[in-house]
Amino acid sequence: MADQPTSQELTFRLDDDVSPGGVYANFAGVWHTEHEFTIDFATLPHSPTGPNSESVEGLVVARVKIPPSVIFAVARAISENVAKFETQYGALTPPPPPEPQDRP
């Protein structure tokens, strides 16, 4: 029986339509169907929480569709990178929860 490789090196290339510097997003919305998870990355002019948060219009700068078989690897990679970031730069603090809205 031939030896099986223990790891595989992955290389990536950017499509010509993809900016090598990426795009900036200060908001991400996640939703799903039975067949895929979708993450919409967007820019918002200000925080969607606060006293005037009834309606905020943002611009989606990227939409990424991920099959369920990959979503745990994505979540794990984000978690591991947050831990590495905090080790290097200090703890991240989550934003405060939205304030309750008084409804007339």
N, C-alpha and C. Protein backbone atom coordinates (compact mmCIF):
# COMPACT_ATOMS: atom_id res chain seq x y z
N MET A 1 0.84 -1.17 0.00
CA MET A 1 0.00 0.00 0.00
C MET A 1 0.89 1.24 0.00
N ALA A 2 0.57 2.23 -0.84
CA ALA A 2 1.36 3.45 -0.94
C ALA A 2 1.11 4.35 0.26
N ASP A 3 2.15 5.08 0.63
CA ASP A 3 2.01 6.05 1.72
C ASP A 3 1.04 7.15 1.30
N GLN A 4 0.15 7.51 2.21
CA GLN A 4 -0.79 8.59 1.96
C GLN A 4 -0.18 9.89 2.47
N PRO A 5 -0.31 10.98 1.71
CA PRO A 5 0.21 12.25 2.23
C PRO A 5 -0.57 12.65 3.49
N THR A 6 0.15 13.21 4.47
CA THR A 6 -0.49 13.58 5.72
C THR A 6 -1.15 14.96 5.66
N SER A 7 -0.71 15.81 4.76
CA SER A 7 -1.34 17.11 4.62
C SER A 7 -1.27 17.54 3.16
N GLN A 8 -2.09 18.48 2.84
CA GLN A 8 -2.16 18.96 1.48
C GLN A 8 -1.98 20.47 1.48
N GLU A 9 -1.11 20.98 0.64
CA GLU A 9 -0.89 22.41 0.56
C GLU A 9 -1.90 23.01 -0.40
N LEU A 10 -2.57 24.07 0.07
CA LEU A 10 -3.54 24.76 -0.77
C LEU A 10 -2.93 26.06 -1.26
N THR A 11 -3.13 26.34 -2.51
CA THR A 11 -2.73 27.63 -3.04
C THR A 11 -3.96 28.28 -3.66
N PHE A 12 -4.00 29.59 -3.63
CA PHE A 12 -5.14 30.32 -4.15
C PHE A 12 -4.67 31.38 -5.13
N ARG A 13 -5.52 31.73 -6.05
CA ARG A 13 -5.25 32.86 -6.92
C ARG A 13 -6.50 33.72 -6.93
N LEU A 14 -6.31 35.01 -7.10
CA LEU A 14 -7.43 35.92 -7.16
C LEU A 14 -7.94 36.02 -8.59
N ASP A 15 -9.24 35.93 -8.74
CA ASP A 15 -9.87 36.17 -10.03
C ASP A 15 -9.57 37.60 -10.44
N ASP A 16 -9.52 37.86 -11.72
CA ASP A 16 -9.21 39.21 -12.20
C ASP A 16 -10.20 40.26 -11.71
N ASP A 17 -11.43 39.85 -11.38
CA ASP A 17 -12.45 40.79 -10.92
C ASP A 17 -12.36 41.08 -9.42
N VAL A 18 -11.48 40.40 -8.71
CA VAL A 18 -11.36 40.56 -7.26
C VAL A 18 -10.20 41.49 -6.93
N SER A 19 -10.49 42.51 -6.12
CA SER A 19 -9.45 43.45 -5.72
C SER A 19 -8.47 42.76 -4.79
N PRO A 20 -7.17 42.84 -5.07
CA PRO A 20 -6.20 42.19 -4.19
C PRO A 20 -6.20 42.77 -2.78
N GLY A 21 -6.68 44.01 -2.64
CA GLY A 21 -6.76 44.62 -1.31
C GLY A 21 -8.04 44.27 -0.58
N GLY A 22 -8.96 43.57 -1.22
CA GLY A 22 -10.23 43.22 -0.61
C GLY A 22 -11.19 44.40 -0.62
N VAL A 23 -12.29 44.24 0.07
CA VAL A 23 -13.27 45.31 0.22
C VAL A 23 -13.54 45.51 1.69
N TYR A 24 -13.91 46.72 2.08
CA TYR A 24 -14.19 47.03 3.47
C TYR A 24 -15.67 46.78 3.76
N ALA A 25 -15.95 46.18 4.91
CA ALA A 25 -17.32 45.98 5.37
C ALA A 25 -17.34 46.20 6.88
N ASN A 26 -18.36 46.92 7.37
CA ASN A 26 -18.50 47.10 8.81
C ASN A 26 -19.78 46.45 9.33
N PHE A 27 -20.34 45.56 8.51
CA PHE A 27 -21.54 44.82 8.89
C PHE A 27 -21.57 43.51 8.12
N ALA A 28 -22.06 42.46 8.75
CA ALA A 28 -22.26 41.18 8.06
C ALA A 28 -23.61 40.62 8.50
N GLY A 29 -24.41 40.26 7.54
CA GLY A 29 -25.69 39.62 7.81
C GLY A 29 -25.62 38.17 7.35
N VAL A 30 -26.10 37.26 8.17
CA VAL A 30 -26.03 35.83 7.85
C VAL A 30 -27.45 35.28 7.77
N TRP A 31 -27.72 34.51 6.72
CA TRP A 31 -29.01 33.84 6.58
C TRP A 31 -28.78 32.52 5.88
N HIS A 32 -29.77 31.66 5.89
CA HIS A 32 -29.58 30.32 5.32
C HIS A 32 -30.85 29.79 4.68
N THR A 33 -30.63 28.82 3.82
CA THR A 33 -31.70 27.98 3.28
C THR A 33 -31.31 26.55 3.63
N GLU A 34 -32.09 25.62 3.17
CA GLU A 34 -31.78 24.21 3.42
C GLU A 34 -30.44 23.81 2.79
N HIS A 35 -30.02 24.51 1.73
CA HIS A 35 -28.87 24.08 0.95
C HIS A 35 -27.62 24.93 1.10
N GLU A 36 -27.74 26.12 1.72
CA GLU A 36 -26.55 26.97 1.81
C GLU A 36 -26.73 28.05 2.87
N PHE A 37 -25.60 28.53 3.37
CA PHE A 37 -25.56 29.70 4.23
C PHE A 37 -25.11 30.86 3.34
N THR A 38 -25.63 32.03 3.60
CA THR A 38 -25.24 33.22 2.84
C THR A 38 -24.79 34.28 3.83
N ILE A 39 -23.64 34.88 3.53
CA ILE A 39 -23.15 36.00 4.33
C ILE A 39 -23.08 37.21 3.41
N ASP A 40 -23.84 38.24 3.75
CA ASP A 40 -23.78 39.51 3.04
C ASP A 40 -22.88 40.44 3.83
N PHE A 41 -21.80 40.87 3.22
CA PHE A 41 -20.91 41.85 3.83
C PHE A 41 -21.32 43.21 3.29
N ALA A 42 -21.48 44.19 4.18
CA ALA A 42 -21.99 45.50 3.76
C ALA A 42 -21.27 46.62 4.49
N THR A 43 -21.41 47.81 3.94
CA THR A 43 -20.96 49.02 4.62
C THR A 43 -22.20 49.80 5.02
N LEU A 44 -22.19 50.25 6.26
CA LEU A 44 -23.28 51.06 6.80
C LEU A 44 -22.72 52.44 7.13
N PRO A 45 -23.53 53.49 6.95
CA PRO A 45 -23.03 54.83 7.25
C PRO A 45 -22.81 55.08 8.74
N HIS A 46 -23.49 54.30 9.60
CA HIS A 46 -23.33 54.40 11.05
C HIS A 46 -23.86 53.12 11.66
N SER A 47 -23.72 52.99 12.95
CA SER A 47 -24.15 51.78 13.64
C SER A 47 -25.65 51.57 13.48
N PRO A 48 -26.10 50.32 13.22
CA PRO A 48 -27.53 50.07 13.09
C PRO A 48 -28.27 50.03 14.41
N THR A 49 -27.58 50.30 15.52
CA THR A 49 -28.25 50.33 16.82
C THR A 49 -28.29 51.77 17.30
N GLY A 50 -29.21 52.07 18.15
CA GLY A 50 -29.30 53.42 18.69
C GLY A 50 -30.69 53.99 18.49
N PRO A 51 -30.86 55.25 18.87
CA PRO A 51 -32.21 55.83 18.89
C PRO A 51 -32.85 55.98 17.52
N ASN A 52 -32.07 56.15 16.47
CA ASN A 52 -32.65 56.35 15.13
C ASN A 52 -32.39 55.14 14.23
N SER A 53 -32.62 53.95 14.77
CA SER A 53 -32.26 52.75 14.03
C SER A 53 -33.45 52.06 13.36
N GLU A 54 -34.55 52.76 13.18
CA GLU A 54 -35.71 52.16 12.52
C GLU A 54 -35.34 51.63 11.15
N SER A 55 -34.58 52.41 10.38
CA SER A 55 -34.21 52.00 9.04
C SER A 55 -32.82 52.55 8.72
N VAL A 56 -31.92 51.66 8.38
CA VAL A 56 -30.57 52.04 7.97
C VAL A 56 -30.31 51.38 6.64
N GLU A 57 -29.88 52.15 5.67
CA GLU A 57 -29.58 51.58 4.36
C GLU A 57 -28.08 51.38 4.23
N GLY A 58 -27.71 50.16 3.91
CA GLY A 58 -26.31 49.83 3.70
C GLY A 58 -26.08 49.37 2.28
N LEU A 59 -24.83 49.23 1.91
CA LEU A 59 -24.46 48.78 0.58
C LEU A 59 -23.77 47.42 0.70
N VAL A 60 -24.34 46.39 0.10
CA VAL A 60 -23.69 45.07 0.11
C VAL A 60 -22.49 45.13 -0.83
N VAL A 61 -21.31 44.83 -0.27
CA VAL A 61 -20.08 44.87 -1.06
C VAL A 61 -19.63 43.47 -1.49
N ALA A 62 -20.18 42.44 -0.83
CA ALA A 62 -19.87 41.06 -1.22
C ALA A 62 -20.94 40.14 -0.65
N ARG A 63 -21.32 39.16 -1.41
CA ARG A 63 -22.24 38.11 -0.95
C ARG A 63 -21.52 36.78 -1.16
N VAL A 64 -21.40 36.01 -0.07
CA VAL A 64 -20.70 34.73 -0.13
C VAL A 64 -21.67 33.62 0.25
N LYS A 65 -21.81 32.63 -0.60
CA LYS A 65 -22.68 31.48 -0.34
C LYS A 65 -21.79 30.30 0.04
N ILE A 66 -22.13 29.64 1.15
CA ILE A 66 -21.30 28.58 1.70
C ILE A 66 -22.15 27.34 1.92
N PRO A 67 -21.71 26.17 1.43
CA PRO A 67 -22.48 24.95 1.67
C PRO A 67 -22.42 24.55 3.14
N PRO A 68 -23.48 23.89 3.64
CA PRO A 68 -23.48 23.46 5.04
C PRO A 68 -22.26 22.61 5.42
N SER A 69 -21.73 21.86 4.48
CA SER A 69 -20.59 21.00 4.79
C SER A 69 -19.32 21.79 5.11
N VAL A 70 -19.29 23.08 4.80
CA VAL A 70 -18.10 23.90 5.00
C VAL A 70 -18.28 24.91 6.14
N ILE A 71 -19.51 25.17 6.56
CA ILE A 71 -19.77 26.26 7.50
C ILE A 71 -19.06 26.08 8.85
N PHE A 72 -18.92 24.84 9.34
CA PHE A 72 -18.22 24.63 10.61
C PHE A 72 -16.74 24.97 10.48
N ALA A 73 -16.14 24.69 9.33
CA ALA A 73 -14.73 25.04 9.12
C ALA A 73 -14.56 26.56 9.09
N VAL A 74 -15.52 27.27 8.49
CA VAL A 74 -15.47 28.73 8.47
C VAL A 74 -15.59 29.27 9.89
N ALA A 75 -16.57 28.78 10.65
CA ALA A 75 -16.76 29.23 12.03
C ALA A 75 -15.52 28.94 12.88
N ARG A 76 -14.92 27.76 12.70
CA ARG A 76 -13.72 27.40 13.45
C ARG A 76 -12.56 28.33 13.07
N ALA A 77 -12.38 28.62 11.78
CA ALA A 77 -11.29 29.49 11.34
C ALA A 77 -11.46 30.90 11.91
N ILE A 78 -12.69 31.41 11.95
CA ILE A 78 -12.93 32.73 12.52
C ILE A 78 -12.60 32.71 14.02
N SER A 79 -13.07 31.69 14.73
CA SER A 79 -12.82 31.58 16.16
C SER A 79 -11.32 31.50 16.46
N GLU A 80 -10.60 30.68 15.71
CA GLU A 80 -9.17 30.55 15.93
C GLU A 80 -8.44 31.86 15.65
N ASN A 81 -8.87 32.59 14.62
CA ASN A 81 -8.21 33.84 14.29
C ASN A 81 -8.54 34.94 15.29
N VAL A 82 -9.73 34.94 15.85
CA VAL A 82 -10.07 35.90 16.91
C VAL A 82 -9.17 35.64 18.12
N ALA A 83 -8.98 34.36 18.47
CA ALA A 83 -8.11 34.03 19.60
C ALA A 83 -6.67 34.48 19.33
N LYS A 84 -6.16 34.27 18.13
CA LYS A 84 -4.81 34.71 17.78
C LYS A 84 -4.70 36.24 17.82
N PHE A 85 -5.72 36.92 17.31
CA PHE A 85 -5.75 38.38 17.34
C PHE A 85 -5.68 38.88 18.77
N GLU A 86 -6.50 38.29 19.66
CA GLU A 86 -6.54 38.73 21.05
C GLU A 86 -5.23 38.45 21.77
N THR A 87 -4.56 37.36 21.43
CA THR A 87 -3.25 37.06 22.01
C THR A 87 -2.24 38.12 21.59
N GLN A 88 -2.31 38.54 20.35
CA GLN A 88 -1.34 39.50 19.83
C GLN A 88 -1.67 40.95 20.20
N TYR A 89 -2.95 41.32 20.16
CA TYR A 89 -3.33 42.73 20.31
C TYR A 89 -4.17 43.05 21.54
N GLY A 90 -4.65 42.06 22.24
CA GLY A 90 -5.51 42.30 23.40
C GLY A 90 -6.95 41.92 23.11
N ALA A 91 -7.72 41.85 24.17
CA ALA A 91 -9.10 41.37 24.07
C ALA A 91 -9.97 42.31 23.23
N LEU A 92 -10.80 41.71 22.42
CA LEU A 92 -11.82 42.44 21.69
C LEU A 92 -13.04 42.59 22.60
N THR A 93 -13.68 43.72 22.52
CA THR A 93 -14.90 43.89 23.31
C THR A 93 -16.08 43.95 22.35
N PRO A 94 -17.09 43.15 22.61
CA PRO A 94 -18.25 43.17 21.72
C PRO A 94 -19.00 44.48 21.87
N PRO A 95 -19.73 44.87 20.81
CA PRO A 95 -20.52 46.10 20.94
C PRO A 95 -21.61 45.92 21.98
N PRO A 96 -22.07 47.03 22.57
CA PRO A 96 -23.15 46.90 23.55
C PRO A 96 -24.42 46.40 22.89
N PRO A 97 -25.28 45.72 23.64
CA PRO A 97 -26.54 45.25 23.06
C PRO A 97 -27.41 46.45 22.66
N PRO A 98 -28.28 46.26 21.68
CA PRO A 98 -29.15 47.37 21.28
C PRO A 98 -30.05 47.79 22.43
N GLU A 99 -30.29 49.08 22.50
CA GLU A 99 -31.18 49.60 23.52
C GLU A 99 -32.62 49.28 23.13
N PRO A 100 -33.48 48.98 24.13
CA PRO A 100 -34.88 48.72 23.80
C PRO A 100 -35.52 49.96 23.19
N GLN A 101 -36.34 49.73 22.20
CA GLN A 101 -37.02 50.83 21.51
C GLN A 101 -38.40 51.05 22.14
N ASP A 102 -38.71 52.31 22.46
CA ASP A 102 -40.04 52.64 22.94
C ASP A 102 -40.96 52.71 21.73
N ARG A 103 -42.00 51.93 21.75
CA ARG A 103 -42.97 51.92 20.65
C ARG A 103 -44.19 52.73 21.04
N PRO A 104 -44.61 53.67 20.20
CA PRO A 104 -45.81 54.44 20.55
C PRO A 104 -47.05 53.61 20.48
